[in-house]
């Protein structure tokens, strides 16, 4: 299994992995820690660290409470991207806090389409 496939499997199993320097910080739910998991992490450690650094460059580490925000392709909807899973979620703008709408407006201005 390559590092990308391992990382996807870990995320699917709700196992958190972060690169901290040349070390991996792994948070495993109770009962999910196995020898197979430890061996896979050990085999793929350098590649996982490189992949995690690529996903979250130094100084720009994603804050789990801070999703990517933009206007959806559908009118009056806002798209929110979960930084942990990469999944996009659509929410009606009328149901969002004013700060979310302002962030979507700012993203639109940055993209040059507003």
N, C-alpha and C. Protein backbone atom coordinates (compact mmCIF):
# COMPACT_ATOMS: atom_id res chain seq x y z
N UNK A 1 0.85 -1.17 0.00
CA UNK A 1 0.00 0.00 0.00
C UNK A 1 0.90 1.24 0.00
N UNK A 2 0.61 2.20 -0.90
CA UNK A 2 1.42 3.41 -0.94
C UNK A 2 0.93 4.41 0.11
N UNK A 3 1.68 5.51 0.28
CA UNK A 3 1.37 6.48 1.32
C UNK A 3 0.00 7.12 1.12
N UNK A 4 -0.36 7.44 -0.11
CA UNK A 4 -1.67 8.07 -0.38
C UNK A 4 -2.80 7.12 0.02
N UNK A 5 -2.70 5.87 -0.39
CA UNK A 5 -3.74 4.89 -0.06
C UNK A 5 -3.82 4.67 1.46
N UNK A 6 -2.66 4.63 2.11
CA UNK A 6 -2.64 4.46 3.56
C UNK A 6 -3.29 5.65 4.25
N UNK A 7 -2.97 6.86 3.80
CA UNK A 7 -3.56 8.06 4.40
C UNK A 7 -5.08 8.08 4.23
N UNK A 8 -5.54 7.70 3.05
CA UNK A 8 -6.99 7.63 2.81
C UNK A 8 -7.64 6.59 3.73
N UNK A 9 -6.99 5.45 3.90
CA UNK A 9 -7.52 4.41 4.78
C UNK A 9 -7.55 4.88 6.24
N UNK A 10 -6.49 5.56 6.66
CA UNK A 10 -6.45 6.07 8.03
C UNK A 10 -7.59 7.07 8.26
N UNK A 11 -7.79 7.96 7.31
CA UNK A 11 -8.86 8.95 7.46
C UNK A 11 -10.23 8.28 7.45
N UNK A 12 -10.39 7.25 6.63
CA UNK A 12 -11.65 6.52 6.59
C UNK A 12 -11.94 5.88 7.96
N UNK A 13 -10.89 5.47 8.63
CA UNK A 13 -11.02 4.82 9.95
C UNK A 13 -10.97 5.83 11.10
N UNK A 14 -11.04 7.13 10.78
CA UNK A 14 -11.01 8.21 11.79
C UNK A 14 -9.73 8.22 12.60
N UNK A 15 -8.62 7.88 11.94
CA UNK A 15 -7.31 7.93 12.58
C UNK A 15 -6.62 9.20 12.10
N UNK A 16 -6.27 10.07 13.04
CA UNK A 16 -5.65 11.35 12.72
C UNK A 16 -4.14 11.18 12.61
N UNK A 17 -3.55 11.73 11.53
CA UNK A 17 -2.10 11.67 11.32
C UNK A 17 -1.62 13.07 10.94
N UNK A 18 -0.60 13.56 11.65
CA UNK A 18 -0.02 14.86 11.34
C UNK A 18 1.49 14.73 11.36
N UNK A 19 2.14 15.50 10.47
CA UNK A 19 3.60 15.55 10.45
C UNK A 19 4.06 16.65 11.38
N UNK A 20 4.98 16.31 12.27
CA UNK A 20 5.59 17.28 13.18
C UNK A 20 7.09 17.11 13.06
N UNK A 21 7.69 17.92 12.20
CA UNK A 21 9.11 17.77 11.92
C UNK A 21 9.33 16.46 11.18
N UNK A 22 10.22 15.61 11.71
CA UNK A 22 10.47 14.32 11.07
C UNK A 22 9.72 13.19 11.79
N UNK A 23 8.68 13.57 12.54
CA UNK A 23 7.89 12.59 13.28
C UNK A 23 6.44 12.63 12.82
N UNK A 24 5.74 11.53 13.05
CA UNK A 24 4.31 11.47 12.80
C UNK A 24 3.58 11.49 14.14
N UNK A 25 2.54 12.30 14.23
CA UNK A 25 1.67 12.29 15.41
C UNK A 25 0.39 11.59 14.99
N UNK A 26 0.11 10.47 15.62
CA UNK A 26 -1.02 9.63 15.24
C UNK A 26 -1.98 9.52 16.43
N UNK A 27 -3.26 9.80 16.18
CA UNK A 27 -4.30 9.63 17.20
C UNK A 27 -5.23 8.54 16.72
N UNK A 28 -5.24 7.43 17.44
CA UNK A 28 -5.99 6.24 17.04
C UNK A 28 -7.17 6.02 18.00
N UNK A 29 -8.38 5.86 17.46
CA UNK A 29 -9.53 5.55 18.33
C UNK A 29 -9.30 4.23 19.07
N UNK A 30 -9.91 4.10 20.22
CA UNK A 30 -9.79 2.87 21.01
C UNK A 30 -10.15 1.65 20.18
N UNK A 31 -9.30 0.64 20.24
CA UNK A 31 -9.55 -0.61 19.55
C UNK A 31 -9.08 -0.65 18.10
N UNK A 32 -8.59 0.48 17.57
CA UNK A 32 -8.18 0.51 16.17
C UNK A 32 -6.67 0.30 15.99
N UNK A 33 -5.93 0.28 17.09
CA UNK A 33 -4.47 0.13 17.03
C UNK A 33 -4.11 -1.34 16.86
N UNK A 34 -3.45 -1.65 15.74
CA UNK A 34 -3.04 -3.03 15.46
C UNK A 34 -1.57 -3.07 15.06
N UNK A 35 -0.97 -4.24 15.13
CA UNK A 35 0.41 -4.40 14.68
C UNK A 35 0.52 -4.10 13.18
N UNK A 36 -0.50 -4.49 12.43
CA UNK A 36 -0.51 -4.21 10.98
C UNK A 36 -0.48 -2.70 10.72
N UNK A 37 -1.25 -1.95 11.49
CA UNK A 37 -1.27 -0.49 11.35
C UNK A 37 0.09 0.09 11.68
N UNK A 38 0.68 -0.35 12.79
CA UNK A 38 2.00 0.15 13.18
C UNK A 38 3.05 -0.16 12.11
N UNK A 39 2.99 -1.35 11.54
CA UNK A 39 3.95 -1.74 10.50
C UNK A 39 3.76 -0.88 9.24
N UNK A 40 2.51 -0.64 8.85
CA UNK A 40 2.24 0.17 7.66
C UNK A 40 2.71 1.61 7.88
N UNK A 41 2.49 2.15 9.07
CA UNK A 41 2.96 3.51 9.37
C UNK A 41 4.48 3.57 9.33
N UNK A 42 5.13 2.56 9.89
CA UNK A 42 6.59 2.52 9.90
C UNK A 42 7.16 2.43 8.49
N UNK A 43 6.59 1.54 7.66
CA UNK A 43 7.05 1.37 6.28
C UNK A 43 6.88 2.64 5.46
N UNK A 44 5.79 3.37 5.70
CA UNK A 44 5.44 4.52 4.87
C UNK A 44 5.76 5.86 5.52
N UNK A 45 6.46 5.85 6.65
CA UNK A 45 6.68 7.09 7.41
C UNK A 45 7.28 8.22 6.56
N UNK A 46 8.40 8.03 5.86
CA UNK A 46 8.96 9.15 5.09
C UNK A 46 7.99 9.68 4.03
N UNK A 47 7.31 8.78 3.35
CA UNK A 47 6.36 9.20 2.31
C UNK A 47 5.15 9.90 2.91
N UNK A 48 4.67 9.41 4.06
CA UNK A 48 3.54 10.06 4.74
C UNK A 48 3.91 11.47 5.18
N UNK A 49 5.09 11.64 5.75
CA UNK A 49 5.53 12.97 6.18
C UNK A 49 5.59 13.91 4.98
N UNK A 50 6.17 13.45 3.88
CA UNK A 50 6.25 14.27 2.68
C UNK A 50 4.85 14.63 2.17
N UNK A 51 3.96 13.67 2.13
CA UNK A 51 2.60 13.90 1.66
C UNK A 51 1.86 14.88 2.57
N UNK A 52 1.97 14.72 3.87
CA UNK A 52 1.30 15.62 4.81
C UNK A 52 1.87 17.03 4.72
N UNK A 53 3.16 17.15 4.53
CA UNK A 53 3.76 18.49 4.35
C UNK A 53 3.26 19.14 3.07
N UNK A 54 3.09 18.35 2.04
CA UNK A 54 2.58 18.88 0.77
C UNK A 54 1.13 19.36 0.95
N UNK A 55 0.33 18.59 1.68
CA UNK A 55 -1.07 18.96 1.91
C UNK A 55 -1.19 20.22 2.77
N UNK A 56 -0.33 20.36 3.75
CA UNK A 56 -0.39 21.48 4.69
C UNK A 56 1.00 22.10 4.80
N UNK A 57 1.36 23.00 3.87
CA UNK A 57 2.69 23.61 3.92
C UNK A 57 2.95 24.30 5.26
N UNK A 58 4.22 24.34 5.65
CA UNK A 58 4.62 24.95 6.92
C UNK A 58 4.06 26.37 7.01
N UNK A 59 3.48 26.69 8.14
CA UNK A 59 2.92 28.02 8.34
C UNK A 59 1.50 28.15 7.82
N UNK A 60 1.03 27.16 7.10
CA UNK A 60 -0.32 27.22 6.56
C UNK A 60 -1.09 25.97 6.92
N UNK A 61 -0.79 25.42 8.07
CA UNK A 61 -1.46 24.20 8.51
C UNK A 61 -2.96 24.46 8.67
N UNK A 62 -3.75 23.59 8.15
CA UNK A 62 -5.20 23.78 8.22
C UNK A 62 -5.68 23.69 9.65
N UNK A 63 -6.52 24.59 10.01
CA UNK A 63 -7.16 24.57 11.31
C UNK A 63 -8.45 23.80 11.13
N UNK A 64 -8.65 22.76 11.92
CA UNK A 64 -9.83 21.91 11.74
C UNK A 64 -11.13 22.68 11.90
N UNK A 65 -11.09 23.81 12.58
CA UNK A 65 -12.30 24.60 12.77
C UNK A 65 -12.48 25.63 11.65
N UNK A 66 -11.63 25.64 10.66
CA UNK A 66 -11.60 26.70 9.67
C UNK A 66 -11.71 26.14 8.25
N UNK A 67 -12.92 25.84 7.79
CA UNK A 67 -13.08 25.26 6.45
C UNK A 67 -12.85 26.28 5.34
N UNK A 68 -12.60 25.79 4.14
CA UNK A 68 -12.53 26.66 2.97
C UNK A 68 -13.96 27.07 2.63
N UNK A 69 -14.15 28.35 2.32
CA UNK A 69 -15.49 28.89 2.09
C UNK A 69 -15.52 29.60 0.76
N UNK A 70 -16.56 29.33 -0.04
CA UNK A 70 -16.76 30.04 -1.31
C UNK A 70 -18.23 29.95 -1.69
N UNK A 71 -18.63 30.79 -2.64
CA UNK A 71 -19.99 30.69 -3.15
C UNK A 71 -20.10 29.44 -4.00
N UNK A 72 -21.21 28.76 -3.90
CA UNK A 72 -21.48 27.57 -4.69
C UNK A 72 -21.79 27.97 -6.12
N UNK A 73 -21.80 26.99 -7.00
CA UNK A 73 -22.22 27.24 -8.38
C UNK A 73 -23.73 27.46 -8.45
N UNK A 74 -24.43 27.12 -7.38
CA UNK A 74 -25.88 27.30 -7.32
C UNK A 74 -26.19 28.62 -6.62
N UNK A 75 -27.10 29.42 -7.15
CA UNK A 75 -27.43 30.71 -6.53
C UNK A 75 -27.89 30.55 -5.08
N UNK A 76 -27.50 31.48 -4.26
CA UNK A 76 -27.82 31.60 -2.83
C UNK A 76 -27.33 30.44 -1.96
N UNK A 77 -26.40 29.65 -2.44
CA UNK A 77 -25.80 28.57 -1.65
C UNK A 77 -24.32 28.86 -1.46
N UNK A 78 -23.80 28.47 -0.32
CA UNK A 78 -22.38 28.62 -0.02
C UNK A 78 -21.78 27.23 0.12
N UNK A 79 -20.59 27.05 -0.45
CA UNK A 79 -19.88 25.77 -0.37
C UNK A 79 -18.82 25.86 0.73
N UNK A 80 -18.79 24.85 1.58
CA UNK A 80 -17.82 24.77 2.67
C UNK A 80 -17.03 23.48 2.49
N UNK A 81 -15.68 23.59 2.50
CA UNK A 81 -14.82 22.41 2.34
C UNK A 81 -14.21 22.05 3.68
N UNK A 82 -14.43 20.83 4.11
CA UNK A 82 -13.86 20.33 5.35
C UNK A 82 -12.37 20.06 5.12
N UNK A 83 -11.47 20.74 5.86
CA UNK A 83 -10.03 20.56 5.61
C UNK A 83 -9.51 19.18 5.97
N UNK A 84 -10.20 18.46 6.84
CA UNK A 84 -9.75 17.12 7.22
C UNK A 84 -10.10 16.08 6.18
N UNK A 85 -11.32 16.14 5.66
CA UNK A 85 -11.78 15.11 4.74
C UNK A 85 -11.72 15.53 3.28
N UNK A 86 -11.67 16.85 3.04
CA UNK A 86 -11.70 17.34 1.67
C UNK A 86 -13.09 17.38 1.07
N UNK A 87 -14.10 17.00 1.84
CA UNK A 87 -15.47 16.97 1.33
C UNK A 87 -16.06 18.37 1.29
N UNK A 88 -16.85 18.63 0.24
CA UNK A 88 -17.56 19.90 0.10
C UNK A 88 -18.98 19.72 0.59
N UNK A 89 -19.50 20.73 1.28
CA UNK A 89 -20.87 20.73 1.78
C UNK A 89 -21.53 22.03 1.32
N UNK A 90 -22.77 21.95 0.89
CA UNK A 90 -23.53 23.11 0.42
C UNK A 90 -24.51 23.54 1.51
N UNK A 91 -24.54 24.84 1.80
CA UNK A 91 -25.42 25.39 2.83
C UNK A 91 -26.09 26.64 2.27
N UNK A 92 -27.39 26.80 2.54
CA UNK A 92 -28.07 28.00 2.07
C UNK A 92 -27.48 29.22 2.77
N UNK A 93 -27.20 30.27 2.00
CA UNK A 93 -26.59 31.47 2.55
C UNK A 93 -27.44 32.06 3.67
N UNK A 94 -28.76 31.97 3.56
CA UNK A 94 -29.65 32.51 4.58
C UNK A 94 -29.48 31.82 5.93
N UNK A 95 -28.91 30.62 5.94
CA UNK A 95 -28.71 29.87 7.18
C UNK A 95 -27.31 30.06 7.77
N UNK A 96 -26.48 30.84 7.07
CA UNK A 96 -25.09 31.04 7.50
C UNK A 96 -24.96 32.30 8.36
N UNK A 97 -23.98 32.29 9.23
CA UNK A 97 -23.64 33.49 9.99
C UNK A 97 -23.08 34.54 9.03
N UNK A 98 -23.23 35.83 9.35
CA UNK A 98 -22.73 36.88 8.46
C UNK A 98 -21.25 36.74 8.10
N UNK A 99 -20.43 36.25 9.04
CA UNK A 99 -19.01 36.08 8.76
C UNK A 99 -18.73 35.06 7.66
N UNK A 100 -19.57 34.04 7.57
CA UNK A 100 -19.41 33.02 6.53
C UNK A 100 -19.72 33.64 5.17
N UNK A 101 -20.79 34.44 5.11
CA UNK A 101 -21.17 35.10 3.85
C UNK A 101 -20.07 36.07 3.43
N UNK A 102 -19.51 36.82 4.39
CA UNK A 102 -18.42 37.75 4.08
C UNK A 102 -17.20 36.99 3.56
N UNK A 103 -16.90 35.84 4.14
CA UNK A 103 -15.76 35.03 3.68
C UNK A 103 -16.00 34.53 2.26
N UNK A 104 -17.23 34.15 1.94
CA UNK A 104 -17.56 33.71 0.57
C UNK A 104 -17.41 34.87 -0.40
N UNK A 105 -17.86 36.07 0.02
CA UNK A 105 -17.71 37.26 -0.83
C UNK A 105 -16.23 37.56 -1.07
N UNK A 106 -15.42 37.45 -0.03
CA UNK A 106 -13.98 37.71 -0.16
C UNK A 106 -13.33 36.70 -1.10
N UNK A 107 -13.73 35.44 -1.01
CA UNK A 107 -13.18 34.42 -1.91
C UNK A 107 -13.56 34.73 -3.35
N UNK A 108 -14.78 35.18 -3.56
CA UNK A 108 -15.22 35.53 -4.92
C UNK A 108 -14.39 36.69 -5.46
N UNK A 109 -14.13 37.70 -4.62
CA UNK A 109 -13.31 38.84 -5.06
C UNK A 109 -11.89 38.38 -5.41
N UNK A 110 -11.33 37.48 -4.58
CA UNK A 110 -9.97 36.98 -4.85
C UNK A 110 -9.92 36.23 -6.18
N UNK A 111 -10.99 35.52 -6.50
CA UNK A 111 -11.05 34.75 -7.75
C UNK A 111 -11.30 35.66 -8.94
N UNK A 112 -11.67 36.92 -8.68
CA UNK A 112 -11.89 37.87 -9.77
C UNK A 112 -13.21 37.73 -10.48
N UNK A 113 -14.18 37.08 -9.84
CA UNK A 113 -15.47 36.89 -10.50
C UNK A 113 -16.58 37.65 -9.79
N UNK A 114 -16.24 38.60 -8.98
CA UNK A 114 -17.26 39.29 -8.23
C UNK A 114 -17.20 40.73 -8.44
